[in-house]
Amino acid sequence: MTKVLILTLASVALLAACEQKPYQAPVPNTDQDKPAAKLFEPQREALDKARQAGKTLDQAGRERDKAAEEAGR
């Protein structure tokens, strides 16, 4: 009888120790998000430069076409 009681108490103690705690999602740290915003900054700058170069080339093409049209008259 005492062996059964000891075995039961040991089983209950093991089960209580293995009890799952409710999951709590980690709180995001917003300070770490700020450097990530700068992650693609060089690519954005290169894209802006490419867009500006495209605008310059379009403007030069329009001026060239205008000058060719005026020269053809």
PDB file of N, CA and C in Angstrom:
ATOM      1  N   MET A   1       0.811  -1.186   0.000  1.00  0.00           N
ATOM      2  CA  MET A   1       0.000   0.000   0.000  1.00  0.00           C
ATOM      3  C   MET A   1       0.859   1.255   0.000  1.00  0.00           C
ATOM      4  N   THR A   2       1.920   1.248   0.777  1.00  0.00           N
ATOM      5  CA  THR A   2       2.767   2.435   0.832  1.00  0.00           C
ATOM      6  C   THR A   2       3.508   2.640  -0.491  1.00  0.00           C
ATOM      7  N   LYS A   3       3.827   1.524  -1.159  1.00  0.00           N
ATOM      8  CA  LYS A   3       4.502   1.655  -2.451  1.00  0.00           C
ATOM      9  C   LYS A   3       3.587   2.325  -3.471  1.00  0.00           C
ATOM     10  N   VAL A   4       2.321   1.990  -3.440  1.00  0.00           N
ATOM     11  CA  VAL A   4       1.348   2.575  -4.361  1.00  0.00           C
ATOM     12  C   VAL A   4       1.197   4.060  -4.068  1.00  0.00           C
ATOM     13  N   LEU A   5       1.153   4.406  -2.785  1.00  0.00           N
ATOM     14  CA  LEU A   5       1.022   5.797  -2.384  1.00  0.00           C
ATOM     15  C   LEU A   5       2.247   6.595  -2.817  1.00  0.00           C
ATOM     16  N   ILE A   6       3.439   6.062  -2.616  1.00  0.00           N
ATOM     17  CA  ILE A   6       4.675   6.740  -3.010  1.00  0.00           C
ATOM     18  C   ILE A   6       4.735   6.883  -4.529  1.00  0.00           C
ATOM     19  N   LEU A   7       4.348   5.831  -5.242  1.00  0.00           N
ATOM     20  CA  LEU A   7       4.336   5.868  -6.701  1.00  0.00           C
ATOM     21  C   LEU A   7       3.331   6.898  -7.207  1.00  0.00           C
ATOM     22  N   THR A   8       2.188   6.970  -6.592  1.00  0.00           N
ATOM     23  CA  THR A   8       1.162   7.943  -6.984  1.00  0.00           C
ATOM     24  C   THR A   8       1.643   9.361  -6.730  1.00  0.00           C
ATOM     25  N   LEU A   9       2.237   9.613  -5.573  1.00  0.00           N
ATOM     26  CA  LEU A   9       2.740  10.948  -5.242  1.00  0.00           C
ATOM     27  C   LEU A   9       3.886  11.350  -6.174  1.00  0.00           C
ATOM     28  N   ALA A  10       4.755  10.401  -6.507  1.00  0.00           N
ATOM     29  CA  ALA A  10       5.855  10.684  -7.426  1.00  0.00           C
ATOM     30  C   ALA A  10       5.313  11.003  -8.811  1.00  0.00           C
ATOM     31  N   SER A  11       4.312  10.285  -9.262  1.00  0.00           N
ATOM     32  CA  SER A  11       3.707  10.541 -10.574  1.00  0.00           C
ATOM     33  C   SER A  11       3.044  11.914 -10.611  1.00  0.00           C
ATOM     34  N   VAL A  12       2.329  12.240  -9.554  1.00  0.00           N
ATOM     35  CA  VAL A  12       1.672  13.549  -9.489  1.00  0.00           C
ATOM     36  C   VAL A  12       2.717  14.658  -9.466  1.00  0.00           C
ATOM     37  N   ALA A  13       3.819  14.466  -8.756  1.00  0.00           N
ATOM     38  CA  ALA A  13       4.871  15.479  -8.697  1.00  0.00           C
ATOM     39  C   ALA A  13       5.522  15.670 -10.067  1.00  0.00           C
ATOM     40  N   LEU A  14       5.756  14.557 -10.778  1.00  0.00           N
ATOM     41  CA  LEU A  14       6.342  14.661 -12.116  1.00  0.00           C
ATOM     42  C   LEU A  14       5.391  15.351 -13.085  1.00  0.00           C
ATOM     43  N   LEU A  15       4.127  15.024 -13.028  1.00  0.00           N
ATOM     44  CA  LEU A  15       3.154  15.656 -13.911  1.00  0.00           C
ATOM     45  C   LEU A  15       3.014  17.148 -13.609  1.00  0.00           C
ATOM     46  N   ALA A  16       3.069  17.512 -12.352  1.00  0.00           N
ATOM     47  CA  ALA A  16       2.967  18.927 -11.984  1.00  0.00           C
ATOM     48  C   ALA A  16       4.197  19.691 -12.450  1.00  0.00           C
ATOM     49  N   ALA A  17       5.355  19.050 -12.441  1.00  0.00           N
ATOM     50  CA  ALA A  17       6.582  19.712 -12.875  1.00  0.00           C
ATOM     51  C   ALA A  17       6.599  19.892 -14.386  1.00  0.00           C
ATOM     52  N   CYS A  18       5.935  19.005 -15.105  1.00  0.00           N
ATOM     53  CA  CYS A  18       5.917  19.073 -16.568  1.00  0.00           C
ATOM     54  C   CYS A  18       4.734  19.853 -17.108  1.00  0.00           C
ATOM     55  N   GLU A  19       3.995  20.491 -16.257  1.00  0.00           N
ATOM     56  CA  GLU A  19       2.821  21.233 -16.702  1.00  0.00           C
ATOM     57  C   GLU A  19       3.227  22.330 -17.680  1.00  0.00           C
ATOM     58  N   GLN A  20       2.493  22.448 -18.781  1.00  0.00           N
ATOM     59  CA  GLN A  20       2.802  23.469 -19.775  1.00  0.00           C
ATOM     60  C   GLN A  20       2.319  24.822 -19.285  1.00  0.00           C
ATOM     61  N   LYS A  21       3.179  25.789 -19.458  1.00  0.00           N
ATOM     62  CA  LYS A  21       2.804  27.156 -19.129  1.00  0.00           C
ATOM     63  C   LYS A  21       2.107  27.755 -20.345  1.00  0.00           C
ATOM     64  N   PRO A  22       1.168  28.648 -20.158  1.00  0.00           N
ATOM     65  CA  PRO A  22       0.512  29.268 -21.309  1.00  0.00           C
ATOM     66  C   PRO A  22       1.529  30.074 -22.120  1.00  0.00           C
ATOM     67  N   TYR A  23       1.433  29.963 -23.438  1.00  0.00           N
ATOM     68  CA  TYR A  23       2.381  30.641 -24.327  1.00  0.00           C
ATOM     69  C   TYR A  23       2.116  32.138 -24.334  1.00  0.00           C
ATOM     70  N   GLN A  24       3.176  32.888 -24.164  1.00  0.00           N
ATOM     71  CA  GLN A  24       3.088  34.336 -24.270  1.00  0.00           C
ATOM     72  C   GLN A  24       4.030  34.761 -25.384  1.00  0.00           C
ATOM     73  N   ALA A  25       3.472  35.424 -26.380  1.00  0.00           N
ATOM     74  CA  ALA A  25       4.285  35.879 -27.506  1.00  0.00           C
ATOM     75  C   ALA A  25       5.262  36.944 -27.024  1.00  0.00           C
ATOM     76  N   PRO A  26       6.481  36.944 -27.562  1.00  0.00           N
ATOM     77  CA  PRO A  26       7.437  37.958 -27.145  1.00  0.00           C
ATOM     78  C   PRO A  26       6.999  39.343 -27.619  1.00  0.00           C
ATOM     79  N   VAL A  27       7.291  40.328 -26.828  1.00  0.00           N
ATOM     80  CA  VAL A  27       6.943  41.701 -27.163  1.00  0.00           C
ATOM     81  C   VAL A  27       7.987  42.225 -28.143  1.00  0.00           C
ATOM     82  N   PRO A  28       7.566  42.722 -29.311  1.00  0.00           N
ATOM     83  CA  PRO A  28       8.558  43.210 -30.272  1.00  0.00           C
ATOM     84  C   PRO A  28       9.250  44.467 -29.753  1.00  0.00           C
ATOM     85  N   ASN A  29      10.529  44.512 -30.010  1.00  0.00           N
ATOM     86  CA  ASN A  29      11.325  45.667 -29.596  1.00  0.00           C
ATOM     87  C   ASN A  29      11.373  46.640 -30.768  1.00  0.00           C
ATOM     88  N   THR A  30      10.737  47.788 -30.614  1.00  0.00           N
ATOM     89  CA  THR A  30      10.653  48.744 -31.721  1.00  0.00           C
ATOM     90  C   THR A  30      11.980  49.435 -31.983  1.00  0.00           C
ATOM     91  N   ASP A  31      12.904  49.420 -31.033  1.00  0.00           N
ATOM     92  CA  ASP A  31      14.203  50.056 -31.246  1.00  0.00           C
ATOM     93  C   ASP A  31      15.000  49.317 -32.308  1.00  0.00           C
ATOM     94  N   GLN A  32      14.785  48.025 -32.437  1.00  0.00           N
ATOM     95  CA  GLN A  32      15.511  47.246 -33.428  1.00  0.00           C
ATOM     96  C   GLN A  32      14.933  47.444 -34.824  1.00  0.00           C
ATOM     97  N   ASP A  33      13.708  47.959 -34.933  1.00  0.00           N
ATOM     98  CA  ASP A  33      13.090  48.165 -36.234  1.00  0.00           C
ATOM     99  C   ASP A  33      13.695  49.361 -36.962  1.00  0.00           C
ATOM    100  N   LYS A  34      14.214  50.326 -36.256  1.00  0.00           N
ATOM    101  CA  LYS A  34      14.738  51.535 -36.902  1.00  0.00           C
ATOM    102  C   LYS A  34      15.942  51.246 -37.798  1.00  0.00           C
ATOM    103  N   PRO A  35      16.937  50.460 -37.389  1.00  0.00           N
ATOM    104  CA  PRO A  35      18.044  50.181 -38.300  1.00  0.00           C
ATOM    105  C   PRO A  35      17.610  49.367 -39.516  1.00  0.00           C
ATOM    106  N   ALA A  36      16.569  48.564 -39.382  1.00  0.00           N
ATOM    107  CA  ALA A  36      16.108  47.753 -40.505  1.00  0.00           C
ATOM    108  C   ALA A  36      15.526  48.640 -41.602  1.00  0.00           C
ATOM    109  N   ALA A  37      14.999  49.805 -41.241  1.00  0.00           N
ATOM    110  CA  ALA A  37      14.451  50.717 -42.234  1.00  0.00           C
ATOM    111  C   ALA A  37      15.554  51.232 -43.156  1.00  0.00           C
ATOM    112  N   LYS A  38      16.774  51.300 -42.681  1.00  0.00           N
ATOM    113  CA  LYS A  38      17.892  51.779 -43.478  1.00  0.00           C
ATOM    114  C   LYS A  38      18.545  50.665 -44.287  1.00  0.00           C
ATOM    115  N   LEU A  39      17.999  49.479 -44.184  1.00  0.00           N
ATOM    116  CA  LEU A  39      18.589  48.323 -44.831  1.00  0.00           C
ATOM    117  C   LEU A  39      18.637  48.484 -46.347  1.00  0.00           C
ATOM    118  N   PHE A  40      17.588  49.008 -46.950  1.00  0.00           N
ATOM    119  CA  PHE A  40      17.511  49.141 -48.398  1.00  0.00           C
ATOM    120  C   PHE A  40      17.770  50.574 -48.868  1.00  0.00           C
ATOM    121  N   GLU A  41      18.290  51.401 -48.011  1.00  0.00           N
ATOM    122  CA  GLU A  41      18.524  52.800 -48.366  1.00  0.00           C
ATOM    123  C   GLU A  41      19.476  52.953 -49.551  1.00  0.00           C
ATOM    124  N   PRO A  42      20.588  52.234 -49.649  1.00  0.00           N
ATOM    125  CA  PRO A  42      21.453  52.380 -50.826  1.00  0.00           C
ATOM    126  C   PRO A  42      20.739  52.005 -52.130  1.00  0.00           C
ATOM    127  N   GLN A  43      19.881  50.989 -52.080  1.00  0.00           N
ATOM    128  CA  GLN A  43      19.143  50.598 -53.276  1.00  0.00           C
ATOM    129  C   GLN A  43      18.140  51.678 -53.668  1.00  0.00           C
ATOM    130  N   ARG A  44      17.509  52.283 -52.668  1.00  0.00           N
ATOM    131  CA  ARG A  44      16.556  53.363 -52.958  1.00  0.00           C
ATOM    132  C   ARG A  44      17.271  54.551 -53.577  1.00  0.00           C
ATOM    133  N   GLU A  45      18.436  54.891 -53.041  1.00  0.00           N
ATOM    134  CA  GLU A  45      19.196  56.006 -53.596  1.00  0.00           C
ATOM    135  C   GLU A  45      19.621  55.724 -55.031  1.00  0.00           C
ATOM    136  N   ALA A  46      20.056  54.508 -55.305  1.00  0.00           N
ATOM    137  CA  ALA A  46      20.450  54.147 -56.669  1.00  0.00           C
ATOM    138  C   ALA A  46      19.248  54.209 -57.609  1.00  0.00           C
ATOM    139  N   LEU A  47      18.091  53.774 -57.144  1.00  0.00           N
ATOM    140  CA  LEU A  47      16.887  53.823 -57.960  1.00  0.00           C
ATOM    141  C   LEU A  47      16.488  55.270 -58.248  1.00  0.00           C
ATOM    142  N   ASP A  48      16.578  56.135 -57.257  1.00  0.00           N
ATOM    143  CA  ASP A  48      16.275  57.549 -57.465  1.00  0.00           C
ATOM    144  C   ASP A  48      17.232  58.179 -58.472  1.00  0.00           C
ATOM    145  N   LYS A  49      18.516  57.831 -58.385  1.00  0.00           N
ATOM    146  CA  LYS A  49      19.494  58.355 -59.351  1.00  0.00           C
ATOM    147  C   LYS A  49      19.179  57.860 -60.760  1.00  0.00           C
ATOM    148  N   ALA A  50      18.782  56.603 -60.874  1.00  0.00           N
ATOM    149  CA  ALA A  50      18.441  56.053 -62.187  1.00  0.00           C
ATOM    150  C   ALA A  50      17.205  56.741 -62.760  1.00  0.00           C
ATOM    151  N   ARG A  51      16.234  57.020 -61.923  1.00  0.00           N
ATOM    152  CA  ARG A  51      15.038  57.733 -62.392  1.00  0.00           C
ATOM    153  C   ARG A  51      15.399  59.134 -62.859  1.00  0.00           C
ATOM    154  N   GLN A  52      16.258  59.810 -62.111  1.00  0.00           N
ATOM    155  CA  GLN A  52      16.678  61.153 -62.493  1.00  0.00           C
ATOM    156  C   GLN A  52      17.443  61.107 -63.814  1.00  0.00           C
ATOM    157  N   ALA A  53      18.295  60.122 -63.991  1.00  0.00           N
ATOM    158  CA  ALA A  53      19.037  59.988 -65.243  1.00  0.00           C
ATOM    159  C   ALA A  53      18.079  59.723 -66.399  1.00  0.00           C
ATOM    160  N   GLY A  54      17.068  58.938 -66.175  1.00  0.00           N
ATOM    161  CA  GLY A  54      16.064  58.665 -67.203  1.00  0.00           C
ATOM    162  C   GLY A  54      15.325  59.931 -67.610  1.00  0.00           C
ATOM    163  N   LYS A  55      14.971  60.753 -66.623  1.00  0.00           N
ATOM    164  CA  LYS A  55      14.308  62.023 -66.927  1.00  0.00           C
ATOM    165  C   LYS A  55      15.217  62.927 -67.742  1.00  0.00           C
ATOM    166  N   THR A  56      16.496  62.955 -67.393  1.00  0.00           N
ATOM    167  CA  THR A  56      17.458  63.780 -68.125  1.00  0.00           C
ATOM    168  C   THR A  56      17.585  63.306 -69.569  1.00  0.00           C
ATOM    169  N   LEU A  57      17.653  61.989 -69.767  1.00  0.00           N
ATOM    170  CA  LEU A  57      17.750  61.449 -71.122  1.00  0.00           C
ATOM    171  C   LEU A  57      16.483  61.730 -71.934  1.00  0.00           C
ATOM    172  N   ASP A  58      15.327  61.640 -71.306  1.00  0.00           N
ATOM    173  CA  ASP A  58      14.080  61.949 -72.002  1.00  0.00           C
ATOM    174  C   ASP A  58      14.041  63.410 -72.428  1.00  0.00           C
ATOM    175  N   GLN A  59      14.462  64.289 -71.542  1.00  0.00           N
ATOM    176  CA  GLN A  59      14.489  65.713 -71.851  1.00  0.00           C
ATOM    177  C   GLN A  59      15.463  65.991 -72.989  1.00  0.00           C
ATOM    178  N   ALA A  60      16.630  65.375 -72.968  1.00  0.00           N
ATOM    179  CA  ALA A  60      17.613  65.568 -74.035  1.00  0.00           C
ATOM    180  C   ALA A  60      17.065  65.037 -75.357  1.00  0.00           C
ATOM    181  N   GLY A  61      16.354  63.944 -75.348  1.00  0.00           N
ATOM    182  CA  GLY A  61      15.741  63.401 -76.559  1.00  0.00           C
ATOM    183  C   GLY A  61      14.694  64.333 -77.131  1.00  0.00           C
ATOM    184  N   ARG A  62      13.877  64.908 -76.264  1.00  0.00           N
ATOM    185  CA  ARG A  62      12.868  65.863 -76.736  1.00  0.00           C
ATOM    186  C   ARG A  62      13.524  67.090 -77.355  1.00  0.00           C
ATOM    187  N   GLU A  63      14.579  67.588 -76.706  1.00  0.00           N
ATOM    188  CA  GLU A  63      15.284  68.754 -77.252  1.00  0.00           C
ATOM    189  C   GLU A  63      15.927  68.417 -78.596  1.00  0.00           C
ATOM    190  N   ARG A  64      16.506  67.219 -78.708  1.00  0.00           N
ATOM    191  CA  ARG A  64      17.121  66.803 -79.959  1.00  0.00           C
ATOM    192  C   ARG A  64      16.092  66.694 -81.079  1.00  0.00           C
ATOM    193  N   ASP A  65      14.932  66.106 -80.762  1.00  0.00           N
ATOM    194  CA  ASP A  65      13.858  65.982 -81.756  1.00  0.00           C
ATOM    195  C   ASP A  65      13.343  67.353 -82.175  1.00  0.00           C
ATOM    196  N   LYS A  66      13.227  68.254 -81.236  1.00  0.00           N
ATOM    197  CA  LYS A  66      12.759  69.603 -81.531  1.00  0.00           C
ATOM    198  C   LYS A  66      13.767  70.319 -82.424  1.00  0.00           C
ATOM    199  N   ALA A  67      15.051  70.178 -82.110  1.00  0.00           N
ATOM    200  CA  ALA A  67      16.081  70.829 -82.915  1.00  0.00           C
ATOM    201  C   ALA A  67      16.126  70.220 -84.323  1.00  0.00           C
ATOM    202  N   ALA A  68      15.918  68.915 -84.448  1.00  0.00           N
ATOM    203  CA  ALA A  68      15.926  68.267 -85.771  1.00  0.00           C
ATOM    204  C   ALA A  68      14.709  68.711 -86.577  1.00  0.00           C
ATOM    205  N   GLU A  69      13.578  68.877 -85.910  1.00  0.00           N
ATOM    206  CA  GLU A  69      12.371  69.331 -86.603  1.00  0.00           C
ATOM    207  C   GLU A  69      12.548  70.765 -87.104  1.00  0.00           C
ATOM    208  N   GLU A  70      13.129  71.624 -86.272  1.00  0.00           N
ATOM    209  CA  GLU A  70      13.349  73.008 -86.681  1.00  0.00           C
ATOM    210  C   GLU A  70      14.388  73.109 -87.788  1.00  0.00           C
ATOM    211  N   ALA A  71      15.380  72.242 -87.768  1.00  0.00           N
ATOM    212  CA  ALA A  71      16.420  72.259 -88.804  1.00  0.00           C
ATOM    213  C   ALA A  71      15.861  71.742 -90.131  1.00  0.00           C
ATOM    214  N   GLY A  72      14.873  70.893 -90.082  1.00  0.00           N
ATOM    215  CA  GLY A  72      14.280  70.329 -91.294  1.00  0.00           C
ATOM    216  C   GLY A  72      13.355  71.276 -92.000  1.00  0.00           C
ATOM    217  N   ARG A  73      12.969  72.346 -91.413  1.00  0.00           N
ATOM    218  CA  ARG A  73      12.044  73.314 -92.023  1.00  0.00           C
ATOM    219  C   ARG A  73      12.732  74.129 -93.042  1.00  0.00           C
TER     220      ARG A  73
END
